[in-house]
Amino acid sequence: MEDKIVSWAAELQSHAQAGLFYSKDPFDLERYRRIRALAVEMMAERTGLDREKVCGLFCNDTGYQTPKVDTRAAIFQDGKILLVQEQNGKWALPGGWCEYNLSPAENAVKEVKEEAGLDAAVKMLIAVQDRDKHNTPAYAYGVVKIFYLCESLGGCFAENIETMGSGYFPEDGLPPLAEEKCSAEQVQMCFRAYEADTWTAQFD
């Protein structure tokens, strides 16, 4: 369920960030700094996070606020989907934040290599989603998630700092998922795309 306090704090921070970027009046700048500080107080109070951590996550950007982009790769083998095990023990589709110098599709390939040790090729767009409509908990900033159907070109899992392991799982035997990164519903969507003769990309 949407947390209205978190949503309000995020909106206040967005307006404050834009105001700090565009405003030239020193009095207005002071007001926008105060609005941003209040947004941090609200977020810290609501989430229980330390204020410095909230500032780092919440107020570390400049200019007009736009969503971050997260890519996820769905790779199948014998009707099973590839998942990687996060450091917290939960599992997710390989993926992560899009690098500034890579296209989303290129980023998906990079993430598969880093997290699962596989070379991959993107075959099809599955979906473009607004994260807060599909994943919990709510984030303090907007995220666009892009899911791709990919093909493994070879390779094997290699020890890395992001994931503990990888494996292929059937739809009816999924391990505990890192719901903030990919939900069971999103994994099931990837199965439907893989099984379909034709697939129309979904979007919010």
Protein backbone atom coordinates (compact mmCIF):
# COMPACT_ATOMS: atom_id res chain seq x y z
CA MET A 1 0.00 0.00 0.00
CA GLU A 2 1.24 3.46 -0.85
CA ASP A 3 2.72 5.33 2.10
CA LYS A 4 1.34 8.86 1.74
CA ILE A 5 3.91 10.40 4.11
CA VAL A 6 6.77 8.99 2.03
CA SER A 7 5.08 10.19 -1.17
CA TRP A 8 4.52 13.68 0.24
CA ALA A 9 8.11 13.91 1.47
CA ALA A 10 9.42 12.79 -1.92
CA GLU A 11 7.29 15.38 -3.71
CA LEU A 12 8.43 18.15 -1.35
CA GLN A 13 12.06 17.20 -1.93
CA SER A 14 11.50 17.22 -5.71
CA HIS A 15 10.07 20.75 -5.60
CA ALA A 16 12.85 21.90 -3.28
CA GLN A 17 15.54 20.44 -5.55
CA ALA A 18 14.10 22.18 -8.61
CA GLY A 19 13.77 25.44 -6.68
CA LEU A 20 17.38 25.29 -5.49
CA PHE A 21 18.51 24.74 -9.08
CA TYR A 22 16.44 27.39 -10.82
CA SER A 23 15.95 30.13 -8.23
CA LYS A 24 18.33 33.11 -7.99
CA ASP A 25 16.66 34.94 -5.11
CA PRO A 26 18.58 34.35 -1.84
CA PHE A 27 15.39 34.39 0.23
CA ASP A 28 13.73 31.81 -2.00
CA LEU A 29 16.87 29.66 -1.85
CA GLU A 30 16.69 29.75 1.94
CA ARG A 31 13.04 28.67 1.81
CA TYR A 32 13.80 25.80 -0.58
CA ARG A 33 16.65 24.60 1.67
CA ARG A 34 14.21 24.59 4.58
CA ILE A 35 11.62 22.65 2.56
CA ARG A 36 14.29 20.09 1.68
CA ALA A 37 15.32 19.83 5.34
CA LEU A 38 11.69 19.25 6.35
CA ALA A 39 11.36 16.56 3.69
CA VAL A 40 14.42 14.83 5.16
CA GLU A 41 12.92 15.06 8.67
CA MET A 42 9.67 13.53 7.42
CA MET A 43 11.43 10.70 5.60
CA ALA A 44 13.74 9.92 8.53
CA GLU A 45 10.85 9.94 10.98
CA ARG A 46 8.76 7.69 8.76
CA THR A 47 11.46 5.18 7.81
CA GLY A 48 13.60 5.15 10.95
CA LEU A 49 16.71 5.80 8.88
CA ASP A 50 19.50 8.03 10.12
CA ARG A 51 19.11 11.61 8.82
CA GLU A 52 22.58 11.57 7.23
CA LYS A 53 21.69 8.41 5.32
CA VAL A 54 18.41 9.95 4.21
CA CYS A 55 20.29 13.03 3.00
CA GLY A 56 22.70 10.85 1.03
CA LEU A 57 19.91 8.91 -0.66
CA PHE A 58 17.37 11.68 -0.86
CA CYS A 59 19.15 14.98 -1.38
CA ASN A 60 22.33 14.08 -3.22
CA ASP A 61 21.15 15.21 -6.64
CA THR A 62 20.97 18.61 -8.31
CA GLY A 63 18.91 20.03 -11.15
CA TYR A 64 15.41 18.99 -12.11
CA GLN A 65 14.62 15.66 -10.49
CA THR A 66 14.02 12.75 -12.85
CA PRO A 67 13.60 9.00 -12.22
CA LYS A 68 16.51 6.59 -12.03
CA VAL A 69 16.54 3.71 -14.54
CA ASP A 70 16.85 0.07 -13.44
CA THR A 71 17.24 -2.78 -15.94
CA ARG A 72 16.40 -6.46 -15.36
CA ALA A 73 17.28 -9.42 -17.60
CA ALA A 74 15.15 -12.56 -17.95
CA ILE A 75 17.18 -15.54 -19.20
CA PHE A 76 15.67 -19.01 -19.56
CA GLN A 77 17.09 -22.50 -19.77
CA ASP A 78 14.90 -25.58 -20.14
CA GLY A 79 11.85 -23.60 -19.11
CA LYS A 80 13.48 -22.24 -15.96
CA ILE A 81 14.44 -18.63 -15.22
CA LEU A 82 17.85 -17.38 -14.13
CA LEU A 83 18.00 -15.68 -10.73
CA VAL A 84 20.99 -14.39 -8.79
CA GLN A 85 21.34 -14.47 -5.01
CA GLU A 86 21.83 -11.09 -3.37
CA GLN A 87 24.14 -10.56 -0.40
CA ASN A 88 21.10 -10.65 1.92
CA GLY A 89 20.28 -14.17 0.74
CA LYS A 90 17.25 -13.19 -1.34
CA TRP A 91 17.03 -13.77 -5.11
CA ALA A 92 16.37 -11.46 -8.05
CA LEU A 93 16.62 -11.15 -11.81
CA PRO A 94 20.10 -9.94 -12.76
CA GLY A 95 20.07 -6.17 -13.03
CA GLY A 96 20.81 -2.78 -11.54
CA TRP A 97 21.05 0.96 -12.09
CA CYS A 98 21.65 2.05 -15.67
CA GLU A 99 25.09 3.54 -16.26
CA TYR A 100 25.15 7.03 -17.76
CA ASN A 101 27.19 5.90 -20.79
CA LEU A 102 25.20 2.75 -21.64
CA SER A 103 21.85 2.27 -23.29
CA PRO A 104 19.32 0.34 -21.16
CA ALA A 105 19.82 -2.77 -23.31
CA GLU A 106 23.61 -2.51 -23.02
CA ASN A 107 23.22 -2.07 -19.29
CA ALA A 108 21.16 -5.26 -19.01
CA VAL A 109 23.95 -7.19 -20.75
CA LYS A 110 26.55 -5.65 -18.44
CA GLU A 111 24.58 -6.56 -15.32
CA VAL A 112 24.17 -10.18 -16.43
CA LYS A 113 27.93 -10.45 -16.88
CA GLU A 114 28.71 -8.85 -13.52
CA GLU A 115 26.11 -10.66 -11.44
CA ALA A 116 25.76 -14.05 -13.17
CA GLY A 117 29.03 -14.37 -15.11
CA LEU A 118 27.21 -14.92 -18.40
CA ASP A 119 27.59 -13.27 -21.77
CA ALA A 120 24.14 -12.31 -22.97
CA ALA A 121 22.22 -10.81 -25.87
CA VAL A 122 18.97 -8.86 -25.59
CA LYS A 123 16.19 -10.42 -27.66
CA MET A 124 13.03 -8.51 -26.74
CA LEU A 125 11.56 -5.80 -24.53
CA ILE A 126 9.18 -7.28 -21.94
CA ALA A 127 8.00 -4.25 -19.98
CA VAL A 128 8.66 -0.71 -18.81
CA GLN A 129 7.27 -0.13 -15.31
CA ASP A 130 6.97 2.52 -12.66
CA ARG A 131 8.64 0.77 -9.74
CA ASP A 132 6.32 2.14 -7.05
CA LYS A 133 3.34 0.56 -8.81
CA HIS A 134 4.86 -2.93 -8.53
CA ASN A 135 7.50 -3.15 -5.79
CA THR A 136 7.77 -2.54 -2.06
CA PRO A 137 8.88 -0.76 -0.01
CA ALA A 138 8.39 2.67 -1.57
CA TYR A 139 11.56 4.53 -2.52
CA ALA A 140 12.23 8.19 -1.85
CA TYR A 141 12.82 8.81 -5.57
CA GLY A 142 11.24 7.64 -8.80
CA VAL A 143 12.49 4.52 -10.58
CA VAL A 144 11.69 3.24 -14.07
CA LYS A 145 12.25 -0.51 -14.39
CA ILE A 146 12.93 -2.02 -17.82
CA PHE A 147 12.65 -5.80 -18.28
CA TYR A 148 14.32 -7.54 -21.23
CA LEU A 149 14.13 -11.10 -22.48
CA CYS A 150 17.74 -12.12 -23.01
CA GLU A 151 19.66 -15.11 -24.32
CA SER A 152 22.73 -16.63 -22.69
CA LEU A 153 25.74 -16.89 -24.98
CA GLY A 154 27.82 -18.86 -22.51
CA GLY A 155 29.86 -18.36 -19.37
CA CYS A 156 29.44 -19.35 -15.75
CA PHE A 157 28.98 -17.73 -12.37
CA ALA A 158 32.09 -16.02 -10.99
CA GLU A 159 32.63 -14.72 -7.48
CA ASN A 160 31.83 -11.01 -7.24
CA ILE A 161 30.96 -8.32 -4.72
CA GLU A 162 27.26 -8.10 -5.65
CA THR A 163 25.90 -11.64 -5.69
CA MET A 164 26.53 -14.92 -3.86
CA GLY A 165 25.38 -17.33 -6.52
CA SER A 166 23.01 -18.00 -9.40
CA GLY A 167 20.59 -20.67 -10.48
CA TYR A 168 17.66 -21.55 -12.74
CA PHE A 169 14.23 -21.96 -11.14
CA PRO A 170 10.81 -23.16 -12.34
CA GLU A 171 7.84 -20.83 -11.99
CA ASP A 172 6.30 -23.00 -9.28
CA GLY A 173 9.55 -23.26 -7.33
CA LEU A 174 10.85 -19.73 -6.93
CA PRO A 175 13.14 -19.01 -3.96
CA PRO A 176 12.55 -16.07 -1.56
CA LEU A 177 12.70 -12.98 -3.75
CA ALA A 178 14.22 -9.55 -3.09
CA GLU A 179 10.81 -7.92 -3.54
CA GLU A 180 12.27 -4.42 -3.70
CA LYS A 181 14.07 -5.48 -6.90
CA CYS A 182 11.67 -7.93 -8.52
CA SER A 183 8.39 -9.36 -7.30
CA ALA A 184 6.87 -12.77 -7.99
CA GLU A 185 4.38 -11.01 -10.27
CA GLN A 186 7.24 -9.54 -12.32
CA VAL A 187 9.00 -12.89 -12.60
CA GLN A 188 5.72 -14.49 -13.70
CA MET A 189 5.35 -11.74 -16.31
CA CYS A 190 8.75 -12.76 -17.69
CA PHE A 191 7.60 -16.39 -17.93
CA ARG A 192 4.54 -15.26 -19.89
CA ALA A 193 6.73 -13.27 -22.30
CA TYR A 194 9.09 -16.22 -22.76
CA GLU A 195 6.22 -18.63 -23.46
CA ALA A 196 4.29 -16.33 -25.81
CA ASP A 197 4.41 -16.77 -29.58
CA THR A 198 4.09 -12.99 -29.83
CA TRP A 199 4.44 -10.49 -27.01
CA THR A 200 3.43 -6.87 -26.74
CA ALA A 201 5.63 -4.93 -24.35
CA GLN A 202 3.75 -3.87 -21.22
CA PHE A 203 4.04 -0.39 -19.81
CA ASP A 204 2.63 1.90 -17.11
